[in-house]
Amino acid sequence: MLDHLSLLRTISLHAWANIRVLHIELTRTAQTQRDVFKLEALDRQGSAGDEILTHWTAICAFIAARITPFQLRLSVLCAAMDLETATDVAESMSQLPTLKKCSIHFGNNCDNKALQSLAKATALRLMKGGDERSDLSRSCWKNLPTEVRLHILMETDLVRRTPPLRVWTTDDKIKIENGKLVPSTSECCLQCTDASTSCFCPARNAAFSDTCVCSTIPTAMFQVSKLFNYEATEIFFSRNVFRFSGDLLATTQFLAGLPNLAVRSMRSIKLHLDFDQLYFGLSKPGSRVDREWHDLISLLRDRLLLSKLWLSILAVDNDTQYDFARINDNGDHDYKWLHTTSFQLLKPLEQLKGLKKFHVSLCWSTEFEIVAEKAVMGPEYDSMAEGKLRYYFCSGVKSILRMPMIESMAVRES
């Protein structure tokens, strides 16, 4: 590692004056692809770590004397054993002039907020001369027209968007699983650093990059002022799609714990049901899952503005499809439990009449989807005309169960 750092000293003054991008790794990586790699931690207490840190301080002074201010895009990767080691690395970088861009990676643990905060503070200081507040003061913000303020907020991270290079993903949704927020950390956004071999996404690492486009919840924006909190809450909950999965009780508790403004601002909710909830829960009237389903629907009825809500209920994920196929693989399809499940699924939904949009996607019956939608929205409702997606089921599964029309009609007549 010291040999690699020493190579920087061999670069000519003319070359330094023209360097635009520089990526430095202070710890070795074992890596198979950009966003899957292991780091050897750097420890200031060890002799090797102390030697690297000493050399790093000298290298930073060497670079500072040669680069052009406001020109270099620098990324530094260093898996720090602890906060003290990371602090030593950051303090050595304080010798550098103002950088055009700076990304810092202190390890793979995105839950280490101390390291993440240090990376952010160091990078911002090197780019802007410190963690400065915006010139737009709170008083100026308040004096802007409401329409302008809301338009500005809609262009911030309050509204989750699919990363440009990940258009096939579902990272544009706010995911809540078992009542807890799930970060969109499935893959690197590929824009967090110029280095093609490393991921500097803060949602996945103890790192900072101001070019990262992965979506995280911008909690700091809700703490600026009362006015800012009110308008940020309205934008965040009205402009995002909220995807709930897992335990129904946890979903109900999550929604029940939100402020009234937040809940009433929600415009799009997707409820994902899995096979266990359907087969072991809703197929047994009076079960715990059955009661929790009724409670969840009642909460939606009581707290949300139904006339502005787009609600989707889905049971179409791959695991659910395969479970349906497996349990009916002998070809002897028993529709009795599906009849019960369908009826119990539909029964409380009648409380939601008045929804703006309502889509149901189930892997066992396209016909029952229509039955359920019309039971809530009226006989003339056409979900496909209202933008419902057509789901395609797993290829290679020969016995995906699809309840025939006669069984779907029986549910409606129950």
Protein backbone atom coordinates (compact mmCIF):
# COMPACT_ATOMS: atom_id res chain seq x y z
CA MET A 1 0.00 0.00 0.00
CA LEU A 2 2.87 2.40 0.78
CA ASP A 3 4.35 1.62 -2.62
CA HIS A 4 1.14 2.68 -4.30
CA LEU A 5 1.07 5.99 -2.41
CA SER A 6 4.72 6.59 -3.26
CA LEU A 7 3.87 6.42 -6.95
CA LEU A 8 2.10 9.77 -6.56
CA ARG A 9 5.49 11.37 -5.99
CA THR A 10 6.64 10.31 -9.44
CA ILE A 11 4.00 12.42 -11.23
CA SER A 12 5.43 15.55 -12.86
CA LEU A 13 4.38 19.10 -11.97
CA HIS A 14 2.86 19.55 -15.42
CA ALA A 15 0.77 16.40 -14.97
CA TRP A 16 -0.42 17.49 -11.52
CA ALA A 17 -1.58 20.80 -12.99
CA ASN A 18 -3.81 18.91 -15.42
CA ILE A 19 -5.13 16.10 -13.22
CA ARG A 20 -8.91 16.28 -12.92
CA VAL A 21 -9.82 12.98 -11.23
CA LEU A 22 -7.94 11.10 -8.51
CA HIS A 23 -8.99 7.99 -6.56
CA ILE A 24 -6.86 6.85 -3.59
CA GLU A 25 -7.29 3.64 -1.56
CA LEU A 26 -5.59 3.51 1.83
CA THR A 27 -6.81 -0.03 2.54
CA ARG A 28 -6.75 -3.11 0.38
CA THR A 29 -9.98 -4.42 -1.14
CA ALA A 30 -11.09 -7.91 -2.09
CA GLN A 31 -13.77 -7.37 -4.68
CA THR A 32 -15.76 -9.20 -7.34
CA GLN A 33 -17.86 -6.30 -8.54
CA ARG A 34 -18.33 -2.59 -7.87
CA ASP A 35 -20.82 -2.83 -5.02
CA VAL A 36 -19.68 -6.09 -3.42
CA PHE A 37 -16.29 -5.79 -1.76
CA LYS A 38 -14.54 -6.40 1.55
CA LEU A 39 -12.11 -3.96 3.10
CA GLU A 40 -9.10 -4.54 5.31
CA ALA A 41 -9.57 -2.17 8.23
CA LEU A 42 -6.92 0.44 8.93
CA ASP A 43 -5.99 0.63 12.64
CA ARG A 44 -3.93 3.52 13.98
CA GLN A 45 -2.85 1.36 16.92
CA GLY A 46 -1.00 -1.12 14.72
CA SER A 47 2.50 -0.46 13.42
CA ALA A 48 1.40 -0.88 9.82
CA GLY A 49 -1.56 1.45 10.31
CA ASP A 50 0.59 4.10 12.01
CA GLU A 51 3.08 3.97 9.15
CA ILE A 52 0.35 4.37 6.55
CA LEU A 53 -1.15 7.34 8.40
CA THR A 54 2.24 9.05 8.67
CA HIS A 55 2.82 8.52 4.98
CA TRP A 56 -0.71 9.73 4.20
CA THR A 57 -0.08 13.03 6.01
CA ALA A 58 3.06 13.59 3.95
CA ILE A 59 1.28 12.67 0.71
CA CYS A 60 -1.55 15.11 1.42
CA ALA A 61 0.99 17.92 1.89
CA PHE A 62 2.71 16.84 -1.33
CA ILE A 63 -0.57 16.85 -3.29
CA ALA A 64 -1.67 20.18 -1.78
CA ALA A 65 1.43 21.91 -3.14
CA ARG A 66 0.79 20.71 -6.68
CA ILE A 67 -2.92 20.59 -7.53
CA THR A 68 -5.00 23.50 -8.82
CA PRO A 69 -7.78 24.68 -6.45
CA PHE A 70 -11.42 24.02 -7.50
CA GLN A 71 -10.27 21.54 -10.16
CA LEU A 72 -9.71 18.08 -8.65
CA ARG A 73 -12.41 15.44 -8.16
CA LEU A 74 -10.98 13.37 -5.29
CA SER A 75 -12.27 10.11 -3.82
CA VAL A 76 -10.57 8.48 -0.83
CA LEU A 77 -11.36 4.94 0.33
CA CYS A 78 -10.20 3.94 3.80
CA ALA A 79 -11.94 1.33 5.96
CA ALA A 80 -11.21 2.81 9.39
CA MET A 81 -11.09 0.48 12.36
CA ASP A 82 -12.54 3.21 14.60
CA LEU A 83 -13.49 6.89 14.71
CA GLU A 84 -10.02 7.92 15.93
CA THR A 85 -8.34 6.35 12.88
CA ALA A 86 -10.84 7.99 10.54
CA THR A 87 -10.26 11.33 12.26
CA ASP A 88 -6.52 11.06 11.62
CA VAL A 89 -7.21 10.43 7.93
CA ALA A 90 -9.59 13.41 7.77
CA GLU A 91 -7.22 15.78 9.57
CA SER A 92 -4.43 14.99 7.11
CA MET A 93 -6.78 15.95 4.26
CA SER A 94 -7.31 19.41 5.79
CA GLN A 95 -4.01 20.43 4.11
CA LEU A 96 -5.65 20.16 0.68
CA PRO A 97 -6.94 23.24 -1.17
CA THR A 98 -10.59 23.55 -2.16
CA LEU A 99 -11.67 20.60 -4.31
CA LYS A 100 -14.22 20.52 -7.11
CA LYS A 101 -15.72 17.26 -5.77
CA CYS A 102 -14.85 15.06 -2.82
CA SER A 103 -16.10 11.61 -1.84
CA ILE A 104 -14.92 9.78 1.27
CA HIS A 105 -15.49 6.14 2.26
CA PHE A 106 -14.71 5.02 5.85
CA GLY A 107 -16.14 1.48 5.70
CA ASN A 108 -19.05 -0.72 4.65
CA ASN A 109 -21.20 -0.18 7.76
CA CYS A 110 -23.85 2.38 6.81
CA ASP A 111 -25.20 2.24 10.39
CA ASN A 112 -22.03 3.83 11.78
CA LYS A 113 -23.37 7.38 11.82
CA ALA A 114 -20.25 8.80 13.50
CA LEU A 115 -18.03 7.71 10.62
CA GLN A 116 -20.63 8.77 8.08
CA SER A 117 -20.95 12.23 9.66
CA LEU A 118 -17.16 12.65 9.71
CA ALA A 119 -16.95 11.70 6.02
CA LYS A 120 -19.66 14.21 5.16
CA ALA A 121 -18.21 17.06 7.23
CA THR A 122 -14.72 16.51 5.81
CA ALA A 123 -15.91 16.36 2.20
CA LEU A 124 -18.09 19.45 2.54
CA ARG A 125 -15.28 21.39 4.19
CA LEU A 126 -12.92 20.54 1.34
CA MET A 127 -15.47 21.50 -1.30
CA LYS A 128 -17.03 24.58 0.27
CA GLY A 129 -14.75 25.70 3.06
CA GLY A 130 -16.87 24.27 5.83
CA ASP A 131 -20.36 23.06 6.64
CA GLU A 132 -21.98 26.34 5.71
CA ARG A 133 -25.67 27.10 5.75
CA SER A 134 -27.45 28.12 2.59
CA ASP A 135 -27.57 31.82 1.78
CA LEU A 136 -31.32 31.44 1.66
CA SER A 137 -32.18 32.35 5.23
CA ARG A 138 -35.30 31.21 6.98
CA SER A 139 -36.82 34.66 6.71
CA CYS A 140 -36.20 34.71 2.95
CA TRP A 141 -37.79 31.26 2.64
CA LYS A 142 -40.89 32.43 4.45
CA ASN A 143 -41.22 35.44 2.17
CA LEU A 144 -41.28 33.34 -1.00
CA PRO A 145 -44.73 32.61 -2.49
CA THR A 146 -46.15 29.28 -1.33
CA GLU A 147 -46.22 27.91 -4.87
CA VAL A 148 -42.52 28.67 -5.32
CA ARG A 149 -41.58 27.06 -1.99
CA LEU A 150 -43.50 23.87 -2.82
CA HIS A 151 -41.99 23.71 -6.31
CA ILE A 152 -38.48 24.00 -4.84
CA LEU A 153 -39.21 21.21 -2.35
CA MET A 154 -40.46 18.94 -5.12
CA GLU A 155 -37.03 19.18 -6.76
CA THR A 156 -35.21 18.00 -3.63
CA ASP A 157 -34.57 14.53 -2.18
CA LEU A 158 -38.01 14.67 -0.57
CA VAL A 159 -39.34 13.12 -3.78
CA ARG A 160 -37.81 9.73 -4.49
CA ARG A 161 -36.78 9.08 -8.06
CA THR A 162 -35.34 6.08 -9.87
CA PRO A 163 -31.58 6.50 -10.38
CA PRO A 164 -30.95 7.30 -14.08
CA LEU A 165 -28.78 4.21 -14.58
CA ARG A 166 -31.17 1.92 -12.67
CA VAL A 167 -34.41 2.52 -14.56
CA TRP A 168 -35.40 -1.15 -14.26
CA THR A 169 -35.45 -1.09 -10.44
CA THR A 170 -38.24 -0.18 -8.00
CA ASP A 171 -36.09 2.16 -5.94
CA ASP A 172 -38.46 5.05 -6.58
CA LYS A 173 -40.78 3.81 -3.82
CA ILE A 174 -40.62 4.36 -0.07
CA LYS A 175 -40.46 0.79 1.25
CA ILE A 176 -41.78 -0.15 4.68
CA GLU A 177 -41.27 -3.79 5.66
CA ASN A 178 -42.66 -5.08 8.96
CA GLY A 179 -43.28 -1.49 10.04
CA LYS A 180 -39.71 -0.28 9.38
CA LEU A 181 -38.31 1.89 6.62
CA VAL A 182 -36.12 -0.02 4.18
CA PRO A 183 -33.37 2.03 2.48
CA SER A 184 -33.05 1.74 -1.28
CA THR A 185 -29.72 -0.01 -1.07
CA SER A 186 -30.13 -2.85 -3.50
CA GLU A 187 -27.36 -1.67 -5.81
CA CYS A 188 -24.85 1.12 -6.24
CA CYS A 189 -26.21 4.07 -8.22
CA LEU A 190 -22.98 4.11 -10.29
CA GLN A 191 -22.74 7.88 -9.92
CA CYS A 192 -21.32 8.21 -6.41
CA THR A 193 -17.67 8.33 -7.53
CA ASP A 194 -15.51 8.43 -10.63
CA ALA A 195 -13.81 5.20 -9.50
CA SER A 196 -15.36 2.29 -11.38
CA THR A 197 -14.30 -0.22 -8.71
CA SER A 198 -15.82 1.31 -5.58
CA CYS A 199 -19.20 2.28 -4.16
CA PHE A 200 -19.43 5.49 -2.12
CA CYS A 201 -23.22 5.50 -1.66
CA PRO A 202 -24.03 6.74 1.91
CA ALA A 203 -27.08 4.46 2.04
CA ARG A 204 -24.79 1.44 1.76
CA ASN A 205 -21.57 2.55 3.45
CA ALA A 206 -20.07 4.80 6.11
CA ALA A 207 -19.34 7.25 3.32
CA PHE A 208 -20.29 10.56 1.73
CA SER A 209 -20.72 11.56 -1.89
CA ASP A 210 -22.62 14.59 -3.11
CA THR A 211 -22.97 13.00 -6.55
CA CYS A 212 -24.76 9.90 -5.22
CA VAL A 213 -28.34 9.67 -6.48
CA CYS A 214 -29.49 6.82 -4.23
CA SER A 215 -32.60 7.85 -2.36
CA THR A 216 -32.49 8.20 1.39
CA ILE A 217 -34.94 9.90 3.75
CA PRO A 218 -33.76 13.54 4.14
CA THR A 219 -34.64 13.81 7.83
CA ALA A 220 -32.72 17.07 8.27
CA MET A 221 -35.18 18.87 5.99
CA PHE A 222 -37.98 18.27 8.50
CA GLN A 223 -35.99 20.05 11.24
CA VAL A 224 -35.32 23.44 9.65
CA SER A 225 -38.38 25.28 10.95
CA LYS A 226 -42.07 24.73 11.62
CA LEU A 227 -43.04 26.09 8.22
CA PHE A 228 -40.39 24.00 6.47
CA ASN A 229 -41.50 20.90 8.38
CA TYR A 230 -45.13 21.44 7.44
CA GLU A 231 -44.46 21.89 3.73
CA ALA A 232 -41.78 19.17 3.57
CA THR A 233 -44.19 16.72 5.21
CA GLU A 234 -46.89 17.56 2.69
CA ILE A 235 -44.53 17.08 -0.28
CA PHE A 236 -42.87 13.91 1.04
CA PHE A 237 -46.09 12.04 1.76
CA SER A 238 -48.08 13.28 -1.24
CA ARG A 239 -45.43 12.86 -3.94
CA ASN A 240 -44.03 9.44 -3.05
CA VAL A 241 -45.39 5.91 -3.45
CA PHE A 242 -45.38 3.96 -0.18
CA ARG A 243 -44.89 0.20 -0.47
CA PHE A 244 -45.90 -1.82 2.61
CA SER A 245 -45.04 -5.48 3.07
CA GLY A 246 -44.67 -8.00 5.86
CA ASP A 247 -46.58 -8.08 9.13
CA LEU A 248 -50.02 -6.44 8.87
CA LEU A 249 -50.07 -5.34 12.50
CA ALA A 250 -46.71 -3.60 12.09
CA THR A 251 -48.06 -1.83 9.00
CA THR A 252 -51.10 -0.65 10.93
CA GLN A 253 -48.94 0.56 13.82
CA PHE A 254 -46.62 2.41 11.44
CA LEU A 255 -49.53 4.30 9.85
CA ALA A 256 -51.18 4.92 13.22
CA GLY A 257 -47.98 6.50 14.52
CA LEU A 258 -47.72 9.08 11.74
CA PRO A 259 -48.91 12.66 12.31
CA ASN A 260 -52.34 13.48 10.95
CA LEU A 261 -50.89 15.79 8.28
CA ALA A 262 -48.60 13.02 7.02
CA VAL A 263 -51.32 10.37 6.77
CA ARG A 264 -53.85 12.68 5.14
CA SER A 265 -51.24 13.77 2.60
CA MET A 266 -50.64 10.21 1.35
CA ARG A 267 -51.72 9.76 -2.26
CA SER A 268 -50.36 6.33 -3.27
CA ILE A 269 -50.09 3.14 -1.18
CA LYS A 270 -49.18 -0.38 -2.31
CA LEU A 271 -49.99 -3.26 0.05
CA HIS A 272 -48.02 -6.43 -0.72
CA LEU A 273 -49.47 -9.68 0.66
CA ASP A 274 -47.44 -12.87 0.74
CA PHE A 275 -48.49 -16.50 0.50
CA ASP A 276 -48.37 -17.18 4.25
CA GLN A 277 -50.70 -14.26 4.96
CA LEU A 278 -53.16 -15.56 2.39
CA TYR A 279 -52.98 -19.30 2.93
CA PHE A 280 -52.47 -19.47 6.69
CA GLY A 281 -54.28 -16.25 7.55
CA LEU A 282 -57.12 -15.01 5.40
CA SER A 283 -58.23 -18.53 4.49
CA LYS A 284 -59.17 -19.00 8.17
CA PRO A 285 -61.92 -16.55 9.23
CA GLY A 286 -61.31 -15.11 12.68
CA SER A 287 -57.56 -15.78 12.59
CA ARG A 288 -55.03 -13.22 13.80
CA VAL A 289 -54.16 -12.24 10.22
CA ASP A 290 -57.84 -11.91 9.36
CA ARG A 291 -58.40 -9.54 12.31
CA GLU A 292 -55.29 -7.52 11.45
CA TRP A 293 -56.45 -7.19 7.82
CA HIS A 294 -59.77 -5.76 8.99
CA ASP A 295 -58.00 -3.37 11.38
CA LEU A 296 -55.66 -2.12 8.64
CA ILE A 297 -58.51 -1.43 6.22
CA SER A 298 -60.47 0.34 8.99
CA LEU A 299 -57.48 2.58 9.70
CA LEU A 300 -57.19 3.50 6.02
CA ARG A 301 -60.90 4.35 6.00
CA ASP A 302 -60.70 6.50 9.13
CA ARG A 303 -57.43 8.39 8.67
CA LEU A 304 -56.75 8.82 4.95
CA LEU A 305 -58.45 11.00 2.36
CA LEU A 306 -59.95 8.23 0.26
CA SER A 307 -61.06 10.57 -2.52
CA LYS A 308 -57.38 11.36 -3.23
CA LEU A 309 -55.85 7.93 -2.55
CA TRP A 310 -54.57 5.42 -5.09
CA LEU A 311 -54.54 2.03 -3.35
CA SER A 312 -52.97 -1.11 -4.82
CA ILE A 313 -53.19 -4.60 -3.30
CA LEU A 314 -50.69 -7.08 -4.71
CA ALA A 315 -49.90 -10.77 -4.20
CA VAL A 316 -47.79 -11.37 -7.27
CA ASP A 317 -44.19 -11.69 -6.10
CA ASN A 318 -42.18 -14.68 -7.32
CA ASP A 319 -42.10 -16.50 -3.97
CA THR A 320 -45.89 -16.32 -3.64
CA GLN A 321 -46.35 -17.64 -7.17
CA TYR A 322 -44.05 -20.59 -6.57
CA ASP A 323 -45.78 -21.41 -3.26
CA PHE A 324 -49.14 -21.48 -5.02
CA ALA A 325 -47.70 -23.75 -7.68
CA ARG A 326 -46.05 -26.03 -5.13
CA ILE A 327 -49.12 -26.58 -2.99
CA ASN A 328 -51.20 -27.43 -6.06
CA ASP A 329 -48.53 -29.31 -7.97
CA ASN A 330 -50.38 -32.63 -7.83
CA GLY A 331 -53.00 -31.27 -10.19
CA ASP A 332 -55.84 -31.72 -7.69
CA HIS A 333 -56.76 -28.07 -7.26
CA ASP A 334 -58.94 -27.46 -4.20
CA TYR A 335 -60.51 -24.06 -4.62
CA LYS A 336 -62.31 -24.11 -1.27
CA TRP A 337 -59.57 -22.37 0.70
CA LEU A 338 -59.06 -19.90 -2.15
CA HIS A 339 -62.78 -19.13 -2.10
CA THR A 340 -62.52 -18.36 1.62
CA THR A 341 -59.34 -16.31 1.16
CA SER A 342 -60.90 -14.28 -1.63
CA PHE A 343 -64.04 -13.59 0.37
CA GLN A 344 -62.08 -12.56 3.49
CA LEU A 345 -59.85 -10.34 1.37
CA LEU A 346 -62.82 -8.64 -0.23
CA LYS A 347 -65.10 -8.31 2.78
CA PRO A 348 -63.51 -5.29 4.55
CA LEU A 349 -62.62 -3.53 1.30
CA GLU A 350 -66.20 -2.33 0.92
CA GLN A 351 -65.35 0.23 3.63
CA LEU A 352 -63.08 1.97 1.11
CA LYS A 353 -65.72 3.05 -1.37
CA GLY A 354 -64.79 6.46 -2.71
CA LEU A 355 -61.14 5.75 -3.54
CA LYS A 356 -59.60 7.73 -6.38
CA LYS A 357 -58.01 4.58 -7.86
CA PHE A 358 -58.02 0.95 -6.79
CA HIS A 359 -55.92 -1.83 -8.31
CA VAL A 360 -55.80 -5.48 -7.27
CA SER A 361 -53.18 -7.91 -8.67
CA LEU A 362 -53.33 -11.54 -7.53
CA CYS A 363 -51.50 -14.56 -8.84
CA TRP A 364 -54.47 -16.92 -8.54
CA SER A 365 -57.24 -15.14 -10.42
CA THR A 366 -57.36 -12.30 -12.91
CA GLU A 367 -61.14 -12.53 -12.81
CA PHE A 368 -61.31 -12.01 -9.05
CA GLU A 369 -59.13 -8.92 -9.41
CA ILE A 370 -61.94 -7.42 -11.47
CA VAL A 371 -64.57 -8.58 -8.98
CA ALA A 372 -62.75 -6.92 -6.08
CA GLU A 373 -62.10 -3.68 -7.96
CA LYS A 374 -65.70 -3.31 -9.09
CA ALA A 375 -67.01 -4.13 -5.60
CA VAL A 376 -65.20 -1.04 -4.29
CA MET A 377 -65.25 1.31 -7.28
CA GLY A 378 -68.54 0.43 -8.96
CA PRO A 379 -69.61 -1.76 -11.90
CA GLU A 380 -68.28 0.61 -14.58
CA TYR A 381 -64.75 0.82 -13.19
CA ASP A 382 -61.92 -0.21 -15.53
CA SER A 383 -58.57 -0.43 -13.72
CA MET A 384 -56.58 -1.00 -16.92
CA ALA A 385 -57.87 2.31 -18.24
CA GLU A 386 -56.72 3.88 -14.97
CA GLY A 387 -53.11 2.81 -15.43
CA LYS A 388 -53.00 -0.62 -13.81
CA LEU A 389 -49.87 -2.59 -14.65
CA ARG A 390 -50.18 -6.02 -16.19
CA TYR A 391 -48.10 -8.51 -14.23
CA TYR A 392 -46.39 -11.43 -15.92
CA PHE A 393 -46.01 -14.63 -13.98
CA CYS A 394 -42.93 -16.79 -13.59
CA SER A 395 -41.90 -18.63 -16.72
CA GLY A 396 -41.17 -22.31 -16.28
CA VAL A 397 -43.78 -22.84 -13.58
CA LYS A 398 -46.32 -25.15 -15.21
CA SER A 399 -48.98 -25.18 -12.54
CA ILE A 400 -49.42 -21.53 -11.54
CA LEU A 401 -52.86 -21.59 -10.01
CA ARG A 402 -55.44 -19.36 -11.68
CA MET A 403 -58.95 -19.58 -10.23
CA PRO A 404 -61.46 -19.93 -13.08
CA MET A 405 -64.29 -17.50 -13.69
CA ILE A 406 -66.94 -19.69 -12.06
CA GLU A 407 -65.07 -19.60 -8.74
CA SER A 408 -64.59 -15.82 -8.95
CA MET A 409 -68.29 -15.37 -9.55
CA ALA A 410 -69.02 -17.48 -6.50
CA VAL A 411 -67.07 -15.05 -4.35
CA ARG A 412 -69.08 -12.12 -5.63
CA GLU A 413 -72.31 -13.96 -4.88
CA SER A 414 -71.25 -14.90 -1.32
